PDB file of N, CA and C in Angstrom:
ATOM      1  N   MET A   1     -10.380   6.453 -17.024  1.00  0.00           N
ATOM      2  CA  MET A   1      -9.443   5.554 -16.775  1.00  0.00           C
ATOM      3  C   MET A   1      -9.512   4.469 -17.881  1.00  0.00           C
ATOM      4  N   THR A   2      -8.501   4.276 -18.815  1.00  0.00           N
ATOM      5  CA  THR A   2      -8.377   3.498 -19.790  1.00  0.00           C
ATOM      6  C   THR A   2      -8.372   2.144 -19.391  1.00  0.00           C
ATOM      7  N   ASN A   3      -7.693   1.499 -18.433  1.00  0.00           N
ATOM      8  CA  ASN A   3      -7.428   0.187 -17.782  1.00  0.00           C
ATOM      9  C   ASN A   3      -7.443   0.116 -16.445  1.00  0.00           C
ATOM     10  N   PRO A   4      -8.481  -0.292 -15.855  1.00  0.00           N
ATOM     11  CA  PRO A   4      -8.645  -0.655 -14.536  1.00  0.00           C
ATOM     12  C   PRO A   4      -7.675  -1.422 -13.865  1.00  0.00           C
ATOM     13  N   LEU A   5      -7.313  -2.719 -14.702  1.00  0.00           N
ATOM     14  CA  LEU A   5      -6.605  -3.614 -14.242  1.00  0.00           C
ATOM     15  C   LEU A   5      -5.033  -3.054 -14.409  1.00  0.00           C
ATOM     16  N   ALA A   6      -4.755  -2.253 -15.142  1.00  0.00           N
ATOM     17  CA  ALA A   6      -3.285  -1.785 -15.284  1.00  0.00           C
ATOM     18  C   ALA A   6      -3.290  -0.772 -13.839  1.00  0.00           C
ATOM     19  N   TRP A   7      -4.255  -0.066 -13.559  1.00  0.00           N
ATOM     20  CA  TRP A   7      -4.319   0.926 -12.281  1.00  0.00           C
ATOM     21  C   TRP A   7      -4.023  -0.292 -11.297  1.00  0.00           C
ATOM     22  N   PHE A   8      -4.746  -1.223 -11.093  1.00  0.00           N
ATOM     23  CA  PHE A   8      -4.577  -2.148  -9.868  1.00  0.00           C
ATOM     24  C   PHE A   8      -2.890  -2.885 -10.061  1.00  0.00           C
ATOM     25  N   ALA A   9      -2.819  -3.173 -11.090  1.00  0.00           N
ATOM     26  CA  ALA A   9      -1.244  -3.846 -11.149  1.00  0.00           C
ATOM     27  C   ALA A   9      -0.161  -2.907 -10.964  1.00  0.00           C
ATOM     28  N   LEU A  10      -0.322  -1.715 -11.254  1.00  0.00           N
ATOM     29  CA  LEU A  10       0.668  -0.857 -11.102  1.00  0.00           C
ATOM     30  C   LEU A  10       0.542  -0.158  -9.488  1.00  0.00           C
ATOM     31  N   SER A  11      -0.605  -0.182  -9.002  1.00  0.00           N
ATOM     32  CA  SER A  11      -0.445   0.061  -7.539  1.00  0.00           C
ATOM     33  C   SER A  11      -0.073  -0.881  -6.896  1.00  0.00           C
ATOM     34  N   LEU A  12      -0.145  -2.047  -6.971  1.00  0.00           N
ATOM     35  CA  LEU A  12       0.230  -3.218  -6.241  1.00  0.00           C
ATOM     36  C   LEU A  12       1.684  -3.217  -6.295  1.00  0.00           C
ATOM     37  N   LEU A  13       2.104  -2.968  -7.574  1.00  0.00           N
ATOM     38  CA  LEU A  13       3.779  -3.222  -7.949  1.00  0.00           C
ATOM     39  C   LEU A  13       4.475  -2.074  -7.169  1.00  0.00           C
ATOM     40  N   ALA A  14       3.940  -0.803  -7.446  1.00  0.00           N
ATOM     41  CA  ALA A  14       4.699   0.466  -6.568  1.00  0.00           C
ATOM     42  C   ALA A  14       4.602   0.024  -5.157  1.00  0.00           C
ATOM     43  N   THR A  15       3.522  -0.310  -4.512  1.00  0.00           N
ATOM     44  CA  THR A  15       3.498  -0.434  -3.085  1.00  0.00           C
ATOM     45  C   THR A  15       4.450  -1.453  -2.736  1.00  0.00           C
ATOM     46  N   ILE A  16       4.571  -2.629  -3.442  1.00  0.00           N
ATOM     47  CA  ILE A  16       5.646  -3.723  -2.844  1.00  0.00           C
ATOM     48  C   ILE A  16       6.856  -3.094  -2.917  1.00  0.00           C
ATOM     49  N   VAL A  17       7.260  -2.412  -4.208  1.00  0.00           N
ATOM     50  CA  VAL A  17       8.612  -1.953  -4.109  1.00  0.00           C
ATOM     51  C   VAL A  17       8.736  -0.764  -3.064  1.00  0.00           C
ATOM     52  N   PHE A  18       7.880   0.204  -3.013  1.00  0.00           N
ATOM     53  CA  PHE A  18       8.182   0.984  -1.860  1.00  0.00           C
ATOM     54  C   PHE A  18       8.237   0.303  -0.639  1.00  0.00           C
ATOM     55  N   GLU A  19       7.625  -0.527  -0.208  1.00  0.00           N
ATOM     56  CA  GLU A  19       7.381  -1.161   1.081  1.00  0.00           C
ATOM     57  C   GLU A  19       8.641  -1.956   1.405  1.00  0.00           C
ATOM     58  N   LEU A  20       9.388  -2.803   0.248  1.00  0.00           N
ATOM     59  CA  LEU A  20      10.231  -3.404   0.574  1.00  0.00           C
ATOM     60  C   LEU A  20      11.480  -2.640   0.633  1.00  0.00           C
ATOM     61  N   ALA A  21      11.596  -1.578  -0.398  1.00  0.00           N
ATOM     62  CA  ALA A  21      12.748  -0.489   0.047  1.00  0.00           C
ATOM     63  C   ALA A  21      12.637  -0.068   1.818  1.00  0.00           C
ATOM     64  N   PHE A  22      11.243   0.313   2.029  1.00  0.00           N
ATOM     65  CA  PHE A  22      11.419   0.608   3.657  1.00  0.00           C
ATOM     66  C   PHE A  22      11.947  -0.423   4.402  1.00  0.00           C
ATOM     67  N   TYR A  23      11.573  -1.860   4.229  1.00  0.00           N
ATOM     68  CA  TYR A  23      11.905  -2.796   4.791  1.00  0.00           C
ATOM     69  C   TYR A  23      13.610  -3.025   5.200  1.00  0.00           C
ATOM     70  N   LEU A  24      14.289  -2.728   3.994  1.00  0.00           N
ATOM     71  CA  LEU A  24      15.774  -2.719   3.644  1.00  0.00           C
ATOM     72  C   LEU A  24      16.252  -1.611   4.602  1.00  0.00           C
ATOM     73  N   LEU A  25      15.567  -0.509   4.418  1.00  0.00           N
ATOM     74  CA  LEU A  25      16.312   0.851   4.793  1.00  0.00           C
ATOM     75  C   LEU A  25      16.217   0.593   6.319  1.00  0.00           C
ATOM     76  N   VAL A  26      15.140  -0.180   6.956  1.00  0.00           N
ATOM     77  CA  VAL A  26      15.232  -0.017   8.270  1.00  0.00           C
ATOM     78  C   VAL A  26      16.122  -1.377   9.056  1.00  0.00           C
ATOM     79  N   GLY A  27      16.569  -1.867   8.181  1.00  0.00           N
ATOM     80  CA  GLY A  27      17.892  -2.718   8.475  1.00  0.00           C
ATOM     81  C   GLY A  27      17.127  -4.232   8.732  1.00  0.00           C
ATOM     82  N   LYS A  28      16.005  -4.383   8.073  1.00  0.00           N
ATOM     83  CA  LYS A  28      15.524  -5.720   8.054  1.00  0.00           C
ATOM     84  C   LYS A  28      16.180  -6.709   6.968  1.00  0.00           C
ATOM     85  N   ARG A  29      16.632  -7.915   7.321  1.00  0.00           N
ATOM     86  CA  ARG A  29      17.030  -8.690   6.150  1.00  0.00           C
ATOM     87  C   ARG A  29      16.556 -10.062   6.108  1.00  0.00           C
ATOM     88  N   ASN A  30      15.537 -10.555   6.972  1.00  0.00           N
ATOM     89  CA  ASN A  30      15.267 -11.642   7.221  1.00  0.00           C
ATOM     90  C   ASN A  30      14.081 -12.134   5.856  1.00  0.00           C
ATOM     91  N   LEU A  31      14.290 -13.302   5.254  1.00  0.00           N
ATOM     92  CA  LEU A  31      13.465 -13.584   3.848  1.00  0.00           C
ATOM     93  C   LEU A  31      12.142 -13.733   4.055  1.00  0.00           C
ATOM     94  N   LYS A  32      11.907 -14.541   5.377  1.00  0.00           N
ATOM     95  CA  LYS A  32      10.490 -14.930   5.605  1.00  0.00           C
ATOM     96  C   LYS A  32       9.813 -13.469   5.821  1.00  0.00           C
ATOM     97  N   ASP A  33      10.320 -12.479   6.573  1.00  0.00           N
ATOM     98  CA  ASP A  33       9.537 -11.136   6.657  1.00  0.00           C
ATOM     99  C   ASP A  33       9.542 -10.514   5.397  1.00  0.00           C
ATOM    100  N   ALA A  34      10.685 -10.482   4.572  1.00  0.00           N
ATOM    101  CA  ALA A  34      10.493  -9.761   3.379  1.00  0.00           C
ATOM    102  C   ALA A  34       9.319 -10.330   2.568  1.00  0.00           C
ATOM    103  N   THR A  35       8.997 -11.547   2.420  1.00  0.00           N
ATOM    104  CA  THR A  35       8.150 -12.287   1.714  1.00  0.00           C
ATOM    105  C   THR A  35       6.824 -12.074   2.307  1.00  0.00           C
ATOM    106  N   LEU A  36       6.573 -11.903   3.648  1.00  0.00           N
ATOM    107  CA  LEU A  36       5.632 -11.380   4.258  1.00  0.00           C
ATOM    108  C   LEU A  36       5.019 -10.118   3.956  1.00  0.00           C
ATOM    109  N   VAL A  37       5.927  -9.229   3.699  1.00  0.00           N
ATOM    110  CA  VAL A  37       5.943  -7.896   3.199  1.00  0.00           C
ATOM    111  C   VAL A  37       4.862  -7.953   2.020  1.00  0.00           C
ATOM    112  N   VAL A  38       5.630  -8.656   0.878  1.00  0.00           N
ATOM    113  CA  VAL A  38       5.011  -8.944  -0.253  1.00  0.00           C
ATOM    114  C   VAL A  38       3.656  -9.551  -0.218  1.00  0.00           C
ATOM    115  N   LEU A  39       3.455 -10.634   0.543  1.00  0.00           N
ATOM    116  CA  LEU A  39       2.208 -11.403   0.693  1.00  0.00           C
ATOM    117  C   LEU A  39       1.083 -10.614   1.471  1.00  0.00           C
ATOM    118  N   VAL A  40       1.389  -9.799   2.281  1.00  0.00           N
ATOM    119  CA  VAL A  40       0.482  -9.017   3.025  1.00  0.00           C
ATOM    120  C   VAL A  40       0.084  -7.760   1.883  1.00  0.00           C
ATOM    121  N   ASN A  41       0.697  -7.310   1.193  1.00  0.00           N
ATOM    122  CA  ASN A  41       0.327  -6.385   0.171  1.00  0.00           C
ATOM    123  C   ASN A  41      -0.569  -7.094  -0.762  1.00  0.00           C
ATOM    124  N   VAL A  42      -0.205  -8.163  -1.390  1.00  0.00           N
ATOM    125  CA  VAL A  42      -1.111  -8.865  -2.227  1.00  0.00           C
ATOM    126  C   VAL A  42      -2.310  -9.198  -1.616  1.00  0.00           C
ATOM    127  N   ILE A  43      -2.582  -9.325  -0.387  1.00  0.00           N
ATOM    128  CA  ILE A  43      -3.827  -9.196   0.386  1.00  0.00           C
ATOM    129  C   ILE A  43      -4.634  -7.893   0.448  1.00  0.00           C
ATOM    130  N   THR A  44      -3.741  -6.914   1.050  1.00  0.00           N
ATOM    131  CA  THR A  44      -4.371  -5.717   1.498  1.00  0.00           C
ATOM    132  C   THR A  44      -4.785  -4.644   0.092  1.00  0.00           C
ATOM    133  N   ASN A  45      -3.598  -4.532  -0.774  1.00  0.00           N
ATOM    134  CA  ASN A  45      -3.837  -3.627  -1.847  1.00  0.00           C
ATOM    135  C   ASN A  45      -4.698  -3.730  -2.488  1.00  0.00           C
ATOM    136  N   PRO A  46      -5.056  -4.794  -3.285  1.00  0.00           N
ATOM    137  CA  PRO A  46      -6.140  -4.904  -4.074  1.00  0.00           C
ATOM    138  C   PRO A  46      -7.573  -4.250  -3.365  1.00  0.00           C
ATOM    139  N   VAL A  47      -7.723  -4.983  -2.243  1.00  0.00           N
ATOM    140  CA  VAL A  47      -8.860  -4.740  -1.286  1.00  0.00           C
ATOM    141  C   VAL A  47      -9.122  -3.060  -1.281  1.00  0.00           C
ATOM    142  N   ALA A  48      -8.021  -2.481  -0.715  1.00  0.00           N
ATOM    143  CA  ALA A  48      -7.931  -1.042  -0.369  1.00  0.00           C
ATOM    144  C   ALA A  48      -8.368  -0.540  -1.804  1.00  0.00           C
ATOM    145  N   GLN A  49      -7.632  -0.834  -2.846  1.00  0.00           N
ATOM    146  CA  GLN A  49      -7.881   0.081  -4.112  1.00  0.00           C
ATOM    147  C   GLN A  49      -9.367  -0.191  -4.580  1.00  0.00           C
ATOM    148  N   LEU A  50      -9.911  -1.333  -4.537  1.00  0.00           N
ATOM    149  CA  LEU A  50     -11.277  -1.938  -4.739  1.00  0.00           C
ATOM    150  C   LEU A  50     -12.447  -0.868  -3.767  1.00  0.00           C
ATOM    151  N   THR A  51     -12.059  -0.819  -2.631  1.00  0.00           N
ATOM    152  CA  THR A  51     -12.581   0.141  -1.542  1.00  0.00           C
ATOM    153  C   THR A  51     -12.526   1.572  -1.962  1.00  0.00           C
ATOM    154  N   TRP A  52     -11.545   2.024  -2.340  1.00  0.00           N
ATOM    155  CA  TRP A  52     -11.204   3.609  -2.869  1.00  0.00           C
ATOM    156  C   TRP A  52     -12.188   3.718  -4.014  1.00  0.00           C
ATOM    157  N   TRP A  53     -12.188   2.908  -5.060  1.00  0.00           N
ATOM    158  CA  TRP A  53     -12.849   3.257  -6.279  1.00  0.00           C
ATOM    159  C   TRP A  53     -14.427   3.216  -5.752  1.00  0.00           C
ATOM    160  N   ILE A  54     -14.873   2.100  -4.950  1.00  0.00           N
ATOM    161  CA  ILE A  54     -16.110   2.113  -4.990  1.00  0.00           C
ATOM    162  C   ILE A  54     -16.883   3.166  -4.232  1.00  0.00           C
ATOM    163  N   LEU A  55     -16.002   3.606  -2.895  1.00  0.00           N
ATOM    164  CA  LEU A  55     -16.369   4.679  -2.302  1.00  0.00           C
ATOM    165  C   LEU A  55     -16.427   6.138  -2.843  1.00  0.00           C
ATOM    166  N   LEU A  56     -15.473   6.484  -3.641  1.00  0.00           N
ATOM    167  CA  LEU A  56     -15.242   7.370  -4.513  1.00  0.00           C
ATOM    168  C   LEU A  56     -16.400   7.402  -5.507  1.00  0.00           C
ATOM    169  N   ALA A  57     -16.833   6.461  -5.959  1.00  0.00           N
ATOM    170  CA  ALA A  57     -17.953   6.573  -7.080  1.00  0.00           C
ATOM    171  C   ALA A  57     -19.259   6.667  -6.351  1.00  0.00           C
ATOM    172  N   PHE A  58     -19.361   6.005  -5.262  1.00  0.00           N
ATOM    173  CA  PHE A  58     -20.743   6.068  -4.745  1.00  0.00           C
ATOM    174  C   PHE A  58     -21.122   6.898  -3.439  1.00  0.00           C
ATOM    175  N   THR A  59     -20.238   7.574  -3.006  1.00  0.00           N
ATOM    176  CA  THR A  59     -20.346   8.491  -1.589  1.00  0.00           C
ATOM    177  C   THR A  59     -19.926   9.801  -2.296  1.00  0.00           C
ATOM    178  N   ASP A  60     -20.348  10.886  -1.295  1.00  0.00           N
ATOM    179  CA  ASP A  60     -20.069  12.058  -1.589  1.00  0.00           C
ATOM    180  C   ASP A  60     -18.968  12.559  -0.541  1.00  0.00           C
ATOM    181  N   TRP A  61     -18.207  11.470   0.165  1.00  0.00           N
ATOM    182  CA  TRP A  61     -17.283  11.590   0.976  1.00  0.00           C
ATOM    183  C   TRP A  61     -15.957  12.263   0.427  1.00  0.00           C
ATOM    184  N   PRO A  62     -15.254  13.021   1.187  1.00  0.00           N
ATOM    185  CA  PRO A  62     -13.978  13.855   0.427  1.00  0.00           C
ATOM    186  C   PRO A  62     -13.010  12.756   0.249  1.00  0.00           C
ATOM    187  N   PRO A  63     -12.454  12.754  -0.829  1.00  0.00           N
ATOM    188  CA  PRO A  63     -11.314  11.684  -1.205  1.00  0.00           C
ATOM    189  C   PRO A  63     -10.339  11.385  -0.097  1.00  0.00           C
ATOM    190  N   LEU A  64      -9.912  12.623   0.601  1.00  0.00           N
ATOM    191  CA  LEU A  64      -9.082  12.510   1.420  1.00  0.00           C
ATOM    192  C   LEU A  64      -9.383  11.821   2.513  1.00  0.00           C
ATOM    193  N   ALA A  65     -10.633  11.761   3.007  1.00  0.00           N
ATOM    194  CA  ALA A  65     -11.272  11.279   4.303  1.00  0.00           C
ATOM    195  C   ALA A  65     -11.039   9.832   3.955  1.00  0.00           C
ATOM    196  N   ILE A  66     -11.710   9.282   2.640  1.00  0.00           N
ATOM    197  CA  ILE A  66     -11.606   8.122   2.125  1.00  0.00           C
ATOM    198  C   ILE A  66     -10.409   7.663   2.168  1.00  0.00           C
ATOM    199  N   LYS A  67      -9.343   7.985   1.563  1.00  0.00           N
ATOM    200  CA  LYS A  67      -7.707   7.739   1.579  1.00  0.00           C
ATOM    201  C   LYS A  67      -7.239   7.358   3.134  1.00  0.00           C
ATOM    202  N   ILE A  68      -7.597   8.338   4.132  1.00  0.00           N
ATOM    203  CA  ILE A  68      -7.173   8.365   5.418  1.00  0.00           C
ATOM    204  C   ILE A  68      -7.941   7.105   6.146  1.00  0.00           C
ATOM    205  N   GLY A  69      -9.253   6.968   5.927  1.00  0.00           N
ATOM    206  CA  GLY A  69      -9.849   5.688   6.654  1.00  0.00           C
ATOM    207  C   GLY A  69      -9.457   4.544   6.171  1.00  0.00           C
ATOM    208  N   ILE A  70      -9.117   4.344   5.003  1.00  0.00           N
ATOM    209  CA  ILE A  70      -8.699   3.191   4.131  1.00  0.00           C
ATOM    210  C   ILE A  70      -7.345   2.923   4.771  1.00  0.00           C
ATOM    211  N   GLU A  71      -6.564   3.797   4.676  1.00  0.00           N
ATOM    212  CA  GLU A  71      -5.220   3.687   5.363  1.00  0.00           C
ATOM    213  C   GLU A  71      -4.975   3.099   6.533  1.00  0.00           C
ATOM    214  N   LEU A  72      -5.978   3.777   7.629  1.00  0.00           N
ATOM    215  CA  LEU A  72      -5.956   3.237   8.804  1.00  0.00           C
ATOM    216  C   LEU A  72      -6.471   1.891   9.085  1.00  0.00           C
ATOM    217  N   VAL A  73      -7.745   1.388   8.180  1.00  0.00           N
ATOM    218  CA  VAL A  73      -7.753  -0.063   8.483  1.00  0.00           C
ATOM    219  C   VAL A  73      -6.575  -0.904   7.871  1.00  0.00           C
ATOM    220  N   VAL A  74      -6.188  -0.500   6.874  1.00  0.00           N
ATOM    221  CA  VAL A  74      -4.794  -1.191   6.298  1.00  0.00           C
ATOM    222  C   VAL A  74      -3.763  -1.270   7.231  1.00  0.00           C
ATOM    223  N   ILE A  75      -3.375  -0.265   8.104  1.00  0.00           N
ATOM    224  CA  ILE A  75      -2.448  -0.463   9.047  1.00  0.00           C
ATOM    225  C   ILE A  75      -2.916  -1.194  10.202  1.00  0.00           C
ATOM    226  N   ILE A  76      -3.966  -1.418  10.644  1.00  0.00           N
ATOM    227  CA  ILE A  76      -4.512  -2.184  11.529  1.00  0.00           C
ATOM    228  C   ILE A  76      -4.528  -3.686  11.032  1.00  0.00           C
ATOM    229  N   TRP A  77      -4.764  -4.030   9.912  1.00  0.00           N
ATOM    230  CA  TRP A  77      -4.909  -5.152   9.255  1.00  0.00           C
ATOM    231  C   TRP A  77      -3.609  -5.822   9.256  1.00  0.00           C
ATOM    232  N   GLU A  78      -2.280  -4.698   8.694  1.00  0.00           N
ATOM    233  CA  GLU A  78      -1.115  -5.387   8.415  1.00  0.00           C
ATOM    234  C   GLU A  78      -0.441  -5.412   9.482  1.00  0.00           C
ATOM    235  N   GLY A  79      -0.821  -4.457  10.568  1.00  0.00           N
ATOM    236  CA  GLY A  79       0.010  -4.651  11.950  1.00  0.00           C
ATOM    237  C   GLY A  79      -0.479  -6.043  12.569  1.00  0.00           C
ATOM    238  N   PHE A  80      -1.467  -6.410  12.410  1.00  0.00           N
ATOM    239  CA  PHE A  80      -2.029  -7.837  13.000  1.00  0.00           C
ATOM    240  C   PHE A  80      -1.348  -8.768  12.135  1.00  0.00           C
ATOM    241  N   LEU A  81      -1.275  -8.920  10.915  1.00  0.00           N
ATOM    242  CA  LEU A  81      -0.452  -9.842  10.129  1.00  0.00           C
ATOM    243  C   LEU A  81       0.799  -9.899  10.474  1.00  0.00           C
ATOM    244  N   PHE A  82       1.715  -8.801  10.281  1.00  0.00           N
ATOM    245  CA  PHE A  82       2.889  -8.705  11.069  1.00  0.00           C
ATOM    246  C   PHE A  82       3.255  -9.290  12.328  1.00  0.00           C
ATOM    247  N   GLY A  83       2.326  -8.843  13.341  1.00  0.00           N
ATOM    248  CA  GLY A  83       2.752  -9.366  14.463  1.00  0.00           C
ATOM    249  C   GLY A  83       2.408 -11.072  14.790  1.00  0.00           C
ATOM    250  N   GLU A  84       1.338 -11.391  13.896  1.00  0.00           N
ATOM    251  CA  GLU A  84       0.963 -12.919  13.970  1.00  0.00           C
ATOM    252  C   GLU A  84       1.884 -13.765  13.060  1.00  0.00           C
ATOM    253  N   TYR A  85       2.448 -13.207  12.001  1.00  0.00           N
ATOM    254  CA  TYR A  85       3.625 -14.014  11.205  1.00  0.00           C
ATOM    255  C   TYR A  85       4.932 -13.725  11.106  1.00  0.00           C
ATOM    256  N   GLY A  86       5.196 -12.390  11.659  1.00  0.00           N
ATOM    257  CA  GLY A  86       6.688 -11.944  11.407  1.00  0.00           C
ATOM    258  C   GLY A  86       7.353 -12.557  12.117  1.00  0.00           C
ATOM    259  N   SER A  87       8.773 -12.666  11.935  1.00  0.00           N
ATOM    260  CA  SER A  87       9.711 -13.305  12.684  1.00  0.00           C
ATOM    261  C   SER A  87      10.616 -12.219  13.539  1.00  0.00           C
ATOM    262  N   THR A  88      10.832 -11.326  12.712  1.00  0.00           N
ATOM    263  CA  THR A  88      11.962 -10.210  13.229  1.00  0.00           C
ATOM    264  C   THR A  88      11.339  -8.705  13.649  1.00  0.00           C
ATOM    265  N   ILE A  89       9.804  -8.557  13.341  1.00  0.00           N
ATOM    266  CA  ILE A  89       9.215  -7.519  13.464  1.00  0.00           C
ATOM    267  C   ILE A  89       8.758  -7.406  14.940  1.00  0.00           C
ATOM    268  N   ARG A  90       9.277  -6.558  15.672  1.00  0.00           N
ATOM    269  CA  ARG A  90       9.038  -6.463  17.102  1.00  0.00           C
ATOM    270  C   ARG A  90       7.863  -5.671  17.513  1.00  0.00           C
ATOM    271  N   LYS A  91       7.953  -4.507  16.777  1.00  0.00           N
ATOM    272  CA  LYS A  91       6.707  -3.674  17.205  1.00  0.00           C
ATOM    273  C   LYS A  91       5.797  -3.634  15.934  1.00  0.00           C
ATOM    274  N   PRO A  92       4.865  -4.406  15.549  1.00  0.00           N
ATOM    275  CA  PRO A  92       4.228  -4.748  14.265  1.00  0.00           C
ATOM    276  C   PRO A  92       3.296  -3.531  13.884  1.00  0.00           C
ATOM    277  N   PHE A  93       2.582  -2.754  14.869  1.00  0.00           N
ATOM    278  CA  PHE A  93       1.847  -1.873  14.437  1.00  0.00           C
ATOM    279  C   PHE A  93       2.373  -0.538  14.148  1.00  0.00           C
ATOM    280  N   HIS A  94       3.718  -0.267  14.783  1.00  0.00           N
ATOM    281  CA  HIS A  94       4.797   0.815  14.409  1.00  0.00           C
ATOM    282  C   HIS A  94       5.364   0.372  13.487  1.00  0.00           C
ATOM    283  N   PHE A  95       5.681  -0.603  12.690  1.00  0.00           N
ATOM    284  CA  PHE A  95       6.031  -1.001  11.381  1.00  0.00           C
ATOM    285  C   PHE A  95       5.218  -0.674  10.389  1.00  0.00           C
ATOM    286  N   ALA A  96       3.863  -1.584  10.594  1.00  0.00           N
ATOM    287  CA  ALA A  96       2.680  -0.968   9.754  1.00  0.00           C
ATOM    288  C   ALA A  96       2.597   0.378   9.499  1.00  0.00           C
ATOM    289  N   THR A  97       2.511   1.034  10.551  1.00  0.00           N
ATOM    290  CA  THR A  97       2.538   2.635  10.297  1.00  0.00           C
ATOM    291  C   THR A  97       3.331   3.038   9.712  1.00  0.00           C
ATOM    292  N   GLY A  98       4.655   2.913   9.940  1.00  0.00           N
ATOM    293  CA  GLY A  98       5.777   3.633   9.271  1.00  0.00           C
ATOM    294  C   GLY A  98       5.910   3.144   7.403  1.00  0.00           C
ATOM    295  N   ILE A  99       5.827   1.689   7.532  1.00  0.00           N
ATOM    296  CA  ILE A  99       5.886   1.248   6.037  1.00  0.00           C
ATOM    297  C   ILE A  99       4.706   1.750   5.356  1.00  0.00           C
ATOM    298  N   ASN A 100       3.554   2.120   5.795  1.00  0.00           N
ATOM    299  CA  ASN A 100       2.386   2.485   5.089  1.00  0.00           C
ATOM    300  C   ASN A 100       2.625   4.001   4.762  1.00  0.00           C
ATOM    301  N   ALA A 101       2.930   4.524   5.722  1.00  0.00           N
ATOM    302  CA  ALA A 101       3.305   6.308   5.654  1.00  0.00           C
ATOM    303  C   ALA A 101       4.195   6.372   4.271  1.00  0.00           C
ATOM    304  N   VAL A 102       5.142   5.668   4.606  1.00  0.00           N
ATOM    305  CA  VAL A 102       6.261   5.895   3.487  1.00  0.00           C
ATOM    306  C   VAL A 102       5.626   5.723   2.217  1.00  0.00           C
ATOM    307  N   SER A 103       5.041   4.369   2.021  1.00  0.00           N
ATOM    308  CA  SER A 103       4.611   3.876   0.750  1.00  0.00           C
ATOM    309  C   SER A 103       3.357   5.081   0.130  1.00  0.00           C
ATOM    310  N   PHE A 104       2.498   5.439   1.201  1.00  0.00           N
ATOM    311  CA  PHE A 104       1.490   6.312   0.735  1.00  0.00           C
ATOM    312  C   PHE A 104       1.973   7.695   0.271  1.00  0.00           C
ATOM    313  N   ALA A 105       2.805   8.043   1.042  1.00  0.00           N
ATOM    314  CA  ALA A 105       3.628   9.342   0.562  1.00  0.00           C
ATOM    315  C   ALA A 105       4.322   9.509  -0.752  1.00  0.00           C
ATOM    316  N   LEU A 106       5.062   8.334  -1.072  1.00  0.00           N
ATOM    317  CA  LEU A 106       5.705   8.127  -2.172  1.00  0.00           C
ATOM    318  C   LEU A 106       4.835   7.853  -3.293  1.00  0.00           C
ATOM    319  N   GLY A 107       3.503   7.178  -3.081  1.00  0.00           N
ATOM    320  CA  GLY A 107       2.523   6.914  -4.002  1.00  0.00           C
ATOM    321  C   GLY A 107       1.999   8.237  -4.552  1.00  0.00           C
ATOM    322  N   GLU A 108       1.608   8.991  -3.384  1.00  0.00           N
ATOM    323  CA  GLU A 108       1.199  10.277  -3.751  1.00  0.00           C
ATOM    324  C   GLU A 108       2.105  11.048  -4.711  1.00  0.00           C
ATOM    325  N   LEU A 109       3.303  11.383  -4.012  1.00  0.00           N
ATOM    326  CA  LEU A 109       3.986  12.129  -4.805  1.00  0.00           C
ATOM    327  C   LEU A 109       4.103  11.646  -6.472  1.00  0.00           C
ATOM    328  N   LEU A 110       4.547  10.353  -6.421  1.00  0.00           N
ATOM    329  CA  LEU A 110       4.554   9.644  -7.773  1.00  0.00           C
ATOM    330  C   LEU A 110       3.409  10.027  -8.707  1.00  0.00           C
ATOM    331  N   LEU A 111       2.123  10.152  -8.078  1.00  0.00           N
ATOM    332  CA  LEU A 111       1.085  10.366  -8.834  1.00  0.00           C
ATOM    333  C   LEU A 111       0.825  11.977  -9.148  1.00  0.00           C
ATOM    334  N   SER A 112       1.445  12.867  -8.333  1.00  0.00           N
ATOM    335  CA  SER A 112       1.137  14.244  -8.395  1.00  0.00           C
ATOM    336  C   SER A 112       2.442  14.637  -9.573  1.00  0.00           C
ATOM    337  N   GLN A 113       3.605  13.950  -9.807  1.00  0.00           N
ATOM    338  CA  GLN A 113       4.477  14.340 -10.696  1.00  0.00           C
ATOM    339  C   GLN A 113       4.427  13.649 -12.011  1.00  0.00           C
ATOM    340  N   VAL A 114       3.722  12.727 -11.914  1.00  0.00           N
ATOM    341  CA  VAL A 114       3.779  11.961 -13.246  1.00  0.00           C
ATOM    342  C   VAL A 114       2.045  12.080 -13.775  1.00  0.00           C
ATOM    343  N   GLY A 115       1.654  11.457 -12.854  1.00  0.00           N
ATOM    344  CA  GLY A 115      -0.235  11.462 -13.062  1.00  0.00           C
ATOM    345  C   GLY A 115      -0.630  10.128 -13.527  1.00  0.00           C
ATOM    346  N   ILE A 116      -1.419   9.424 -12.838  1.00  0.00           N
ATOM    347  CA  ILE A 116      -1.677   8.193 -13.370  1.00  0.00           C
ATOM    348  C   ILE A 116      -2.162   7.826 -14.662  1.00  0.00           C
ATOM    349  N   PHE A 117      -2.879   8.512 -15.296  1.00  0.00           N
ATOM    350  CA  PHE A 117      -3.200   8.472 -16.628  1.00  0.00           C
ATOM    351  C   PHE A 117      -2.041   8.505 -17.655  1.00  0.00           C
ATOM    352  N   GLY A 118      -0.811   9.162 -17.350  1.00  0.00           N
ATOM    353  CA  GLY A 118       0.506   9.202 -18.158  1.00  0.00           C
ATOM    354  C   GLY A 118       1.150   7.977 -17.817  1.00  0.00           C
ATOM    355  N   LEU A 119       1.173   7.330 -16.480  1.00  0.00           N
ATOM    356  CA  LEU A 119       1.837   5.880 -16.300  1.00  0.00           C
ATOM    357  C   LEU A 119       1.033   4.733 -17.173  1.00  0.00           C
ATOM    358  N   ILE A 120      -0.373   4.910 -16.933  1.00  0.00           N
ATOM    359  CA  ILE A 120      -1.327   3.783 -17.578  1.00  0.00           C
ATOM    360  C   ILE A 120      -0.951   3.957 -19.289  1.00  0.00           C
ATOM    361  N   SER A 121      -0.862   5.278 -19.739  1.00  0.00           N
ATOM    362  CA  SER A 121      -0.777   5.185 -21.272  1.00  0.00           C
ATOM    363  C   SER A 121       0.594   4.328 -21.707  1.00  0.00           C
ATOM    364  N   TYR A 122       1.368   4.148 -20.734  1.00  0.00           N
ATOM    365  CA  TYR A 122       2.552   3.508 -21.379  1.00  0.00           C
ATOM    366  C   TYR A 122       2.562   1.856 -21.110  1.00  0.00           C
ATOM    367  N   LEU A 123       1.753   1.629 -20.555  1.00  0.00           N
ATOM    368  CA  LEU A 123       1.303   0.284 -20.388  1.00  0.00           C
ATOM    369  C   LEU A 123       0.610  -0.556 -21.568  1.00  0.00           C
TER     370      LEU A 123
END
């Protein structure tokens, strides 16, 4: 990895774009909740990424198991935040599951098609 900060920034940016797109596609238009989607990701994404890299480097756990475990924790954490602070999010854990599933799938697709090292080399 040539630049770990570029990885964190790219991951956060892609996650925010994917999750705001999901937010709009499900018909949400509340500015407070759109801002909440961004802020929730500013909180959870760096922690999830750092946890991923630490567990990948210092354990023998399968990468897929690490990803799934981290995503489950993020869904619970974000579901709580959406429920506590969201104005129009009626089923926060369903919403958190959907938004993270779409973001995760699009992120994996992006990485498989372009490759993270190819993206970072442009930064």
